[in-house]
């Protein structure tokens, strides 16, 4: 688990990587950062407009394939410049977005017989896979919209570009994961841990 100081350091690292791309400057990573955050973890970076808190980009790595420091850089740069839903972030926007960092546990497959009861809204994030298509929604998404476990599954199917009932398909695979979520209160500002609301 991360403390607030560590989360703030990682968000600052993600910001520095994005600013470096915008300015064409190479980011130098201190060895102390690489050593402190060497553990491989899944990580997502979400960029939200400030103060509206509207989505501006969200990309990440669901599985623990990279050291945490690298995952933060990769997801931050990808969310800023490579989310196909949005134009690339501009230098003028850097001061008008807040970073939300989600550190994931390793996804675990949910047996078919445990759906939908085995999904706990506000605790779990979801991945649905079927026929080469894959959709992922973070734990904070379902409580934000007041979804039930079934609705959460349906929207994860839709995220994958599939029919909303795809999770019922015998060939579909459903995975769940948990995450620690940290967010800037304001751009370049204080970092707080985000609670995702009451579970259903």
C-alpha atoms as a PDB file:
ATOM      1  CA  UNK A   1       0.000   0.000   0.000  1.00  0.00           C
ATOM      2  CA  UNK A   2       1.121   3.530  -0.752  1.00  0.00           C
ATOM      3  CA  UNK A   3       1.089   6.433   1.656  1.00  0.00           C
ATOM      4  CA  UNK A   4       0.136   9.942   0.550  1.00  0.00           C
ATOM      5  CA  UNK A   5       3.730  11.099   0.186  1.00  0.00           C
ATOM      6  CA  UNK A   6       4.521   8.198  -2.122  1.00  0.00           C
ATOM      7  CA  UNK A   7       1.370   8.822  -4.142  1.00  0.00           C
ATOM      8  CA  UNK A   8       2.266  12.496  -4.476  1.00  0.00           C
ATOM      9  CA  UNK A   9       5.762  11.556  -5.631  1.00  0.00           C
ATOM     10  CA  UNK A  10       4.365   9.207  -8.283  1.00  0.00           C
ATOM     11  CA  UNK A  11       1.825  11.758  -9.536  1.00  0.00           C
ATOM     12  CA  UNK A  12       4.637  14.319  -9.755  1.00  0.00           C
ATOM     13  CA  UNK A  13       6.603  11.767 -11.787  1.00  0.00           C
ATOM     14  CA  UNK A  14       3.676  11.322 -14.172  1.00  0.00           C
ATOM     15  CA  UNK A  15       3.266  15.085 -14.526  1.00  0.00           C
ATOM     16  CA  UNK A  16       6.990  15.540 -15.159  1.00  0.00           C
ATOM     17  CA  UNK A  17       6.871  12.902 -17.912  1.00  0.00           C
ATOM     18  CA  UNK A  18       3.973  14.670 -19.655  1.00  0.00           C
ATOM     19  CA  UNK A  19       5.610  18.106 -19.350  1.00  0.00           C
ATOM     20  CA  UNK A  20       8.822  16.592 -20.694  1.00  0.00           C
ATOM     21  CA  UNK A  21       7.026  15.334 -23.810  1.00  0.00           C
ATOM     22  CA  UNK A  22       5.398  18.735 -24.346  1.00  0.00           C
ATOM     23  CA  UNK A  23       8.708  20.570 -23.997  1.00  0.00           C
ATOM     24  CA  UNK A  24      10.741  17.982 -25.896  1.00  0.00           C
ATOM     25  CA  UNK A  25      12.949  17.393 -22.845  1.00  0.00           C
ATOM     26  CA  UNK A  26      14.259  13.997 -21.778  1.00  0.00           C
ATOM     27  CA  UNK A  27      13.101  12.915 -18.326  1.00  0.00           C
ATOM     28  CA  UNK A  28      15.850  11.714 -16.018  1.00  0.00           C
ATOM     29  CA  UNK A  29      14.630   9.209 -13.441  1.00  0.00           C
ATOM     30  CA  UNK A  30      16.625   9.163 -10.188  1.00  0.00           C
ATOM     31  CA  UNK A  31      17.843   5.715  -9.168  1.00  0.00           C
ATOM     32  CA  UNK A  32      16.142   6.230  -5.795  1.00  0.00           C
ATOM     33  CA  UNK A  33      12.763   6.420  -7.573  1.00  0.00           C
ATOM     34  CA  UNK A  34      13.480   3.268  -9.566  1.00  0.00           C
ATOM     35  CA  UNK A  35      14.484   1.409  -6.415  1.00  0.00           C
ATOM     36  CA  UNK A  36      11.577   2.652  -4.282  1.00  0.00           C
ATOM     37  CA  UNK A  37       8.938   1.781  -6.888  1.00  0.00           C
ATOM     38  CA  UNK A  38      10.470  -1.332  -8.427  1.00  0.00           C
ATOM     39  CA  UNK A  39       7.534  -3.608  -7.590  1.00  0.00           C
ATOM     40  CA  UNK A  40       5.509  -4.602 -10.628  1.00  0.00           C
ATOM     41  CA  UNK A  41       1.907  -3.362 -10.376  1.00  0.00           C
ATOM     42  CA  UNK A  42      -0.980  -2.651 -12.678  1.00  0.00           C
ATOM     43  CA  UNK A  43      -1.593   1.086 -12.868  1.00  0.00           C
ATOM     44  CA  UNK A  44      -4.011   3.496 -14.552  1.00  0.00           C
ATOM     45  CA  UNK A  45      -3.759   7.255 -14.902  1.00  0.00           C
ATOM     46  CA  UNK A  46      -6.967   9.248 -15.316  1.00  0.00           C
ATOM     47  CA  UNK A  47      -6.827  12.912 -16.282  1.00  0.00           C
ATOM     48  CA  UNK A  48      -9.808  15.046 -15.240  1.00  0.00           C
ATOM     49  CA  UNK A  49     -10.501  18.647 -16.197  1.00  0.00           C
ATOM     50  CA  UNK A  50     -10.390  21.126 -13.313  1.00  0.00           C
ATOM     51  CA  UNK A  51     -12.645  22.229 -11.759  1.00  0.00           C
ATOM     52  CA  UNK A  52     -15.310  20.445 -13.851  1.00  0.00           C
ATOM     53  CA  UNK A  53     -13.861  16.964 -13.176  1.00  0.00           C
ATOM     54  CA  UNK A  54     -14.735  15.765 -16.672  1.00  0.00           C
ATOM     55  CA  UNK A  55     -12.762  12.920 -18.215  1.00  0.00           C
ATOM     56  CA  UNK A  56      -9.814  14.109 -20.336  1.00  0.00           C
ATOM     57  CA  UNK A  57      -7.954  10.836 -20.755  1.00  0.00           C
ATOM     58  CA  UNK A  58      -7.555   7.429 -19.124  1.00  0.00           C
ATOM     59  CA  UNK A  59      -5.117   4.684 -20.070  1.00  0.00           C
ATOM     60  CA  UNK A  60      -3.193   2.133 -18.092  1.00  0.00           C
ATOM     61  CA  UNK A  61      -1.794  -1.331 -17.696  1.00  0.00           C
ATOM     62  CA  UNK A  62      -4.139  -3.766 -15.906  1.00  0.00           C
ATOM     63  CA  UNK A  63      -1.568  -6.468 -15.223  1.00  0.00           C
ATOM     64  CA  UNK A  64       1.668  -6.185 -13.186  1.00  0.00           C
ATOM     65  CA  UNK A  65       4.042  -6.256 -16.149  1.00  0.00           C
ATOM     66  CA  UNK A  66       6.084  -3.109 -15.425  1.00  0.00           C
ATOM     67  CA  UNK A  67       7.782  -1.623 -12.351  1.00  0.00           C
ATOM     68  CA  UNK A  68       5.439   0.886 -10.740  1.00  0.00           C
ATOM     69  CA  UNK A  69       7.606   3.906 -11.622  1.00  0.00           C
ATOM     70  CA  UNK A  70       7.572   2.962 -15.304  1.00  0.00           C
ATOM     71  CA  UNK A  71       3.855   2.130 -15.272  1.00  0.00           C
ATOM     72  CA  UNK A  72       3.078   5.603 -13.916  1.00  0.00           C
ATOM     73  CA  UNK A  73       5.135   7.266 -16.659  1.00  0.00           C
ATOM     74  CA  UNK A  74       3.676   5.051 -19.372  1.00  0.00           C
ATOM     75  CA  UNK A  75       0.062   5.496 -18.271  1.00  0.00           C
ATOM     76  CA  UNK A  76       0.426   9.262 -17.721  1.00  0.00           C
ATOM     77  CA  UNK A  77       1.939   9.885 -21.148  1.00  0.00           C
ATOM     78  CA  UNK A  78      -0.578   7.556 -22.791  1.00  0.00           C
ATOM     79  CA  UNK A  79      -3.571   9.178 -21.045  1.00  0.00           C
ATOM     80  CA  UNK A  80      -2.316  12.630 -22.053  1.00  0.00           C
ATOM     81  CA  UNK A  81      -1.490  11.933 -25.681  1.00  0.00           C
ATOM     82  CA  UNK A  82      -2.787   8.547 -26.851  1.00  0.00           C
ATOM     83  CA  UNK A  83      -6.373   8.175 -25.622  1.00  0.00           C
ATOM     84  CA  UNK A  84      -8.264   7.880 -28.948  1.00  0.00           C
ATOM     85  CA  UNK A  85     -11.344   9.547 -27.421  1.00  0.00           C
ATOM     86  CA  UNK A  86      -9.555  12.885 -27.004  1.00  0.00           C
ATOM     87  CA  UNK A  87      -7.076  15.140 -28.818  1.00  0.00           C
ATOM     88  CA  UNK A  88      -3.561  15.173 -27.348  1.00  0.00           C
ATOM     89  CA  UNK A  89      -3.150  17.285 -24.221  1.00  0.00           C
ATOM     90  CA  UNK A  90      -1.669  20.728 -24.900  1.00  0.00           C
ATOM     91  CA  UNK A  91       0.804  22.714 -22.837  1.00  0.00           C
ATOM     92  CA  UNK A  92      -1.973  25.160 -21.884  1.00  0.00           C
ATOM     93  CA  UNK A  93      -4.061  22.320 -20.451  1.00  0.00           C
ATOM     94  CA  UNK A  94      -1.448  20.889 -18.077  1.00  0.00           C
ATOM     95  CA  UNK A  95      -2.392  23.419 -15.411  1.00  0.00           C
ATOM     96  CA  UNK A  96      -6.106  22.724 -15.914  1.00  0.00           C
ATOM     97  CA  UNK A  97      -6.226  18.980 -15.295  1.00  0.00           C
ATOM     98  CA  UNK A  98      -5.863  16.868 -12.170  1.00  0.00           C
ATOM     99  CA  UNK A  99      -4.191  13.478 -11.999  1.00  0.00           C
ATOM    100  CA  UNK A 100      -6.009  10.440 -10.609  1.00  0.00           C
ATOM    101  CA  UNK A 101      -3.766   7.433 -10.039  1.00  0.00           C
ATOM    102  CA  UNK A 102      -5.155   3.920  -9.582  1.00  0.00           C
ATOM    103  CA  UNK A 103      -2.782   1.196  -8.336  1.00  0.00           C
ATOM    104  CA  UNK A 104      -4.292  -2.212  -9.106  1.00  0.00           C
ATOM    105  CA  UNK A 105      -4.202  -5.631  -7.531  1.00  0.00           C
ATOM    106  CA  UNK A 106      -3.641  -8.491  -9.957  1.00  0.00           C
ATOM    107  CA  UNK A 107      -6.938  -9.349 -11.742  1.00  0.00           C
ATOM    108  CA  UNK A 108      -8.528 -12.653 -10.702  1.00  0.00           C
ATOM    109  CA  UNK A 109     -11.006 -14.570 -12.834  1.00  0.00           C
ATOM    110  CA  UNK A 110     -14.545 -14.804 -11.425  1.00  0.00           C
ATOM    111  CA  UNK A 111     -16.157 -18.255 -11.881  1.00  0.00           C
ATOM    112  CA  UNK A 112     -19.344 -18.132 -13.951  1.00  0.00           C
ATOM    113  CA  UNK A 113     -21.374 -19.472 -11.042  1.00  0.00           C
ATOM    114  CA  UNK A 114     -20.422 -16.449  -8.913  1.00  0.00           C
ATOM    115  CA  UNK A 115     -21.824 -13.850 -11.338  1.00  0.00           C
ATOM    116  CA  UNK A 116     -23.257 -11.336 -10.707  1.00  0.00           C
ATOM    117  CA  UNK A 117     -23.263 -11.883  -6.927  1.00  0.00           C
ATOM    118  CA  UNK A 118     -19.477 -12.127  -6.772  1.00  0.00           C
ATOM    119  CA  UNK A 119     -19.081  -8.517  -7.934  1.00  0.00           C
ATOM    120  CA  UNK A 120     -19.015  -5.872  -5.208  1.00  0.00           C
ATOM    121  CA  UNK A 121     -19.601  -2.362  -6.470  1.00  0.00           C
ATOM    122  CA  UNK A 122     -17.108   0.200  -5.079  1.00  0.00           C
ATOM    123  CA  UNK A 123     -14.562  -2.461  -4.207  1.00  0.00           C
ATOM    124  CA  UNK A 124     -14.122  -4.233  -7.548  1.00  0.00           C
ATOM    125  CA  UNK A 125     -13.043  -3.149 -10.998  1.00  0.00           C
ATOM    126  CA  UNK A 126     -13.920  -5.383 -13.936  1.00  0.00           C
ATOM    127  CA  UNK A 127     -12.380  -6.819 -17.084  1.00  0.00           C
ATOM    128  CA  UNK A 128     -14.534  -8.710 -19.600  1.00  0.00           C
ATOM    129  CA  UNK A 129     -12.924 -10.697 -22.430  1.00  0.00           C
ATOM    130  CA  UNK A 130     -14.682 -12.420 -25.326  1.00  0.00           C
ATOM    131  CA  UNK A 131     -13.459 -13.359 -28.781  1.00  0.00           C
ATOM    132  CA  UNK A 132     -10.423 -11.103 -28.739  1.00  0.00           C
ATOM    133  CA  UNK A 133     -12.374  -8.094 -27.452  1.00  0.00           C
ATOM    134  CA  UNK A 134     -11.615  -6.715 -23.992  1.00  0.00           C
ATOM    135  CA  UNK A 135     -13.240  -4.054 -21.833  1.00  0.00           C
ATOM    136  CA  UNK A 136     -12.063  -2.650 -18.490  1.00  0.00           C
ATOM    137  CA  UNK A 137     -13.725  -0.326 -16.001  1.00  0.00           C
ATOM    138  CA  UNK A 138     -12.031   0.884 -12.811  1.00  0.00           C
ATOM    139  CA  UNK A 139     -13.666   0.439  -9.368  1.00  0.00           C
ATOM    140  CA  UNK A 140     -14.515   4.140  -9.071  1.00  0.00           C
ATOM    141  CA  UNK A 141     -16.691   4.127 -12.205  1.00  0.00           C
ATOM    142  CA  UNK A 142     -19.671   2.071 -10.978  1.00  0.00           C
ATOM    143  CA  UNK A 143     -20.413   4.046  -7.777  1.00  0.00           C
ATOM    144  CA  UNK A 144     -19.990   7.295  -9.731  1.00  0.00           C
ATOM    145  CA  UNK A 145     -23.025   6.302 -11.821  1.00  0.00           C
ATOM    146  CA  UNK A 146     -24.909   4.325  -9.171  1.00  0.00           C
ATOM    147  CA  UNK A 147     -24.714   1.042 -11.079  1.00  0.00           C
ATOM    148  CA  UNK A 148     -25.728  -2.350  -9.711  1.00  0.00           C
ATOM    149  CA  UNK A 149     -23.374  -5.328 -10.232  1.00  0.00           C
ATOM    150  CA  UNK A 150     -25.376  -6.366 -13.325  1.00  0.00           C
ATOM    151  CA  UNK A 151     -25.211  -2.851 -14.765  1.00  0.00           C
ATOM    152  CA  UNK A 152     -21.480  -2.770 -14.057  1.00  0.00           C
ATOM    153  CA  UNK A 153     -21.026  -6.011 -16.011  1.00  0.00           C
ATOM    154  CA  UNK A 154     -23.180  -4.684 -18.854  1.00  0.00           C
ATOM    155  CA  UNK A 155     -21.231  -1.453 -19.158  1.00  0.00           C
ATOM    156  CA  UNK A 156     -17.923  -3.337 -19.114  1.00  0.00           C
ATOM    157  CA  UNK A 157     -19.235  -5.406 -22.036  1.00  0.00           C
ATOM    158  CA  UNK A 158     -20.190  -2.205 -23.851  1.00  0.00           C
ATOM    159  CA  UNK A 159     -16.716  -0.783 -23.164  1.00  0.00           C
ATOM    160  CA  UNK A 160     -15.343  -3.819 -25.024  1.00  0.00           C
ATOM    161  CA  UNK A 161     -17.591  -3.015 -27.999  1.00  0.00           C
ATOM    162  CA  UNK A 162     -19.739  -6.067 -27.292  1.00  0.00           C
ATOM    163  CA  UNK A 163     -23.408  -6.676 -26.543  1.00  0.00           C
ATOM    164  CA  UNK A 164     -24.324  -5.587 -23.004  1.00  0.00           C
ATOM    165  CA  UNK A 165     -25.145  -9.190 -22.048  1.00  0.00           C
ATOM    166  CA  UNK A 166     -21.843 -10.603 -23.300  1.00  0.00           C
ATOM    167  CA  UNK A 167     -20.831 -11.568 -19.755  1.00  0.00           C
ATOM    168  CA  UNK A 168     -23.453 -14.342 -19.882  1.00  0.00           C
ATOM    169  CA  UNK A 169     -21.787 -15.947 -22.909  1.00  0.00           C
ATOM    170  CA  UNK A 170     -20.216 -19.318 -21.937  1.00  0.00           C
ATOM    171  CA  UNK A 171     -16.976 -18.268 -23.651  1.00  0.00           C
ATOM    172  CA  UNK A 172     -16.736 -14.898 -21.899  1.00  0.00           C
ATOM    173  CA  UNK A 173     -14.189 -14.444 -19.128  1.00  0.00           C
ATOM    174  CA  UNK A 174     -14.756 -11.969 -16.310  1.00  0.00           C
ATOM    175  CA  UNK A 175     -11.957 -10.755 -14.049  1.00  0.00           C
ATOM    176  CA  UNK A 176     -12.153  -8.509 -11.007  1.00  0.00           C
ATOM    177  CA  UNK A 177      -9.508  -6.435  -9.266  1.00  0.00           C
ATOM    178  CA  UNK A 178      -9.238  -3.815  -6.542  1.00  0.00           C
ATOM    179  CA  UNK A 179      -7.304  -0.573  -6.525  1.00  0.00           C
ATOM    180  CA  UNK A 180      -5.894   2.156  -4.352  1.00  0.00           C
ATOM    181  CA  UNK A 181      -6.936   5.504  -5.809  1.00  0.00           C
ATOM    182  CA  UNK A 182      -5.190   8.831  -5.275  1.00  0.00           C
ATOM    183  CA  UNK A 183      -6.138  12.178  -6.747  1.00  0.00           C
ATOM    184  CA  UNK A 184      -4.896  15.752  -6.814  1.00  0.00           C
ATOM    185  CA  UNK A 185      -7.304  18.176  -5.102  1.00  0.00           C
ATOM    186  CA  UNK A 186      -6.255  20.785  -7.659  1.00  0.00           C
ATOM    187  CA  UNK A 187      -3.626  20.892 -10.423  1.00  0.00           C
ATOM    188  CA  UNK A 188      -0.133  20.483  -8.894  1.00  0.00           C
ATOM    189  CA  UNK A 189      -1.847  20.498  -5.494  1.00  0.00           C
ATOM    190  CA  UNK A 190      -2.447  18.299  -2.469  1.00  0.00           C
ATOM    191  CA  UNK A 191      -2.961  14.573  -3.056  1.00  0.00           C
ATOM    192  CA  UNK A 192      -5.719  12.668  -1.246  1.00  0.00           C
ATOM    193  CA  UNK A 193      -6.841   9.062  -1.153  1.00  0.00           C
ATOM    194  CA  UNK A 194     -10.171   8.573  -2.919  1.00  0.00           C
ATOM    195  CA  UNK A 195     -12.934   6.513  -1.347  1.00  0.00           C
ATOM    196  CA  UNK A 196     -15.328   5.083  -3.904  1.00  0.00           C
ATOM    197  CA  UNK A 197     -18.570   5.341  -1.941  1.00  0.00           C
ATOM    198  CA  UNK A 198     -20.909   2.844  -0.332  1.00  0.00           C
ATOM    199  CA  UNK A 199     -20.934  -0.719  -1.654  1.00  0.00           C
ATOM    200  CA  UNK A 200     -23.946  -2.493  -3.064  1.00  0.00           C
END
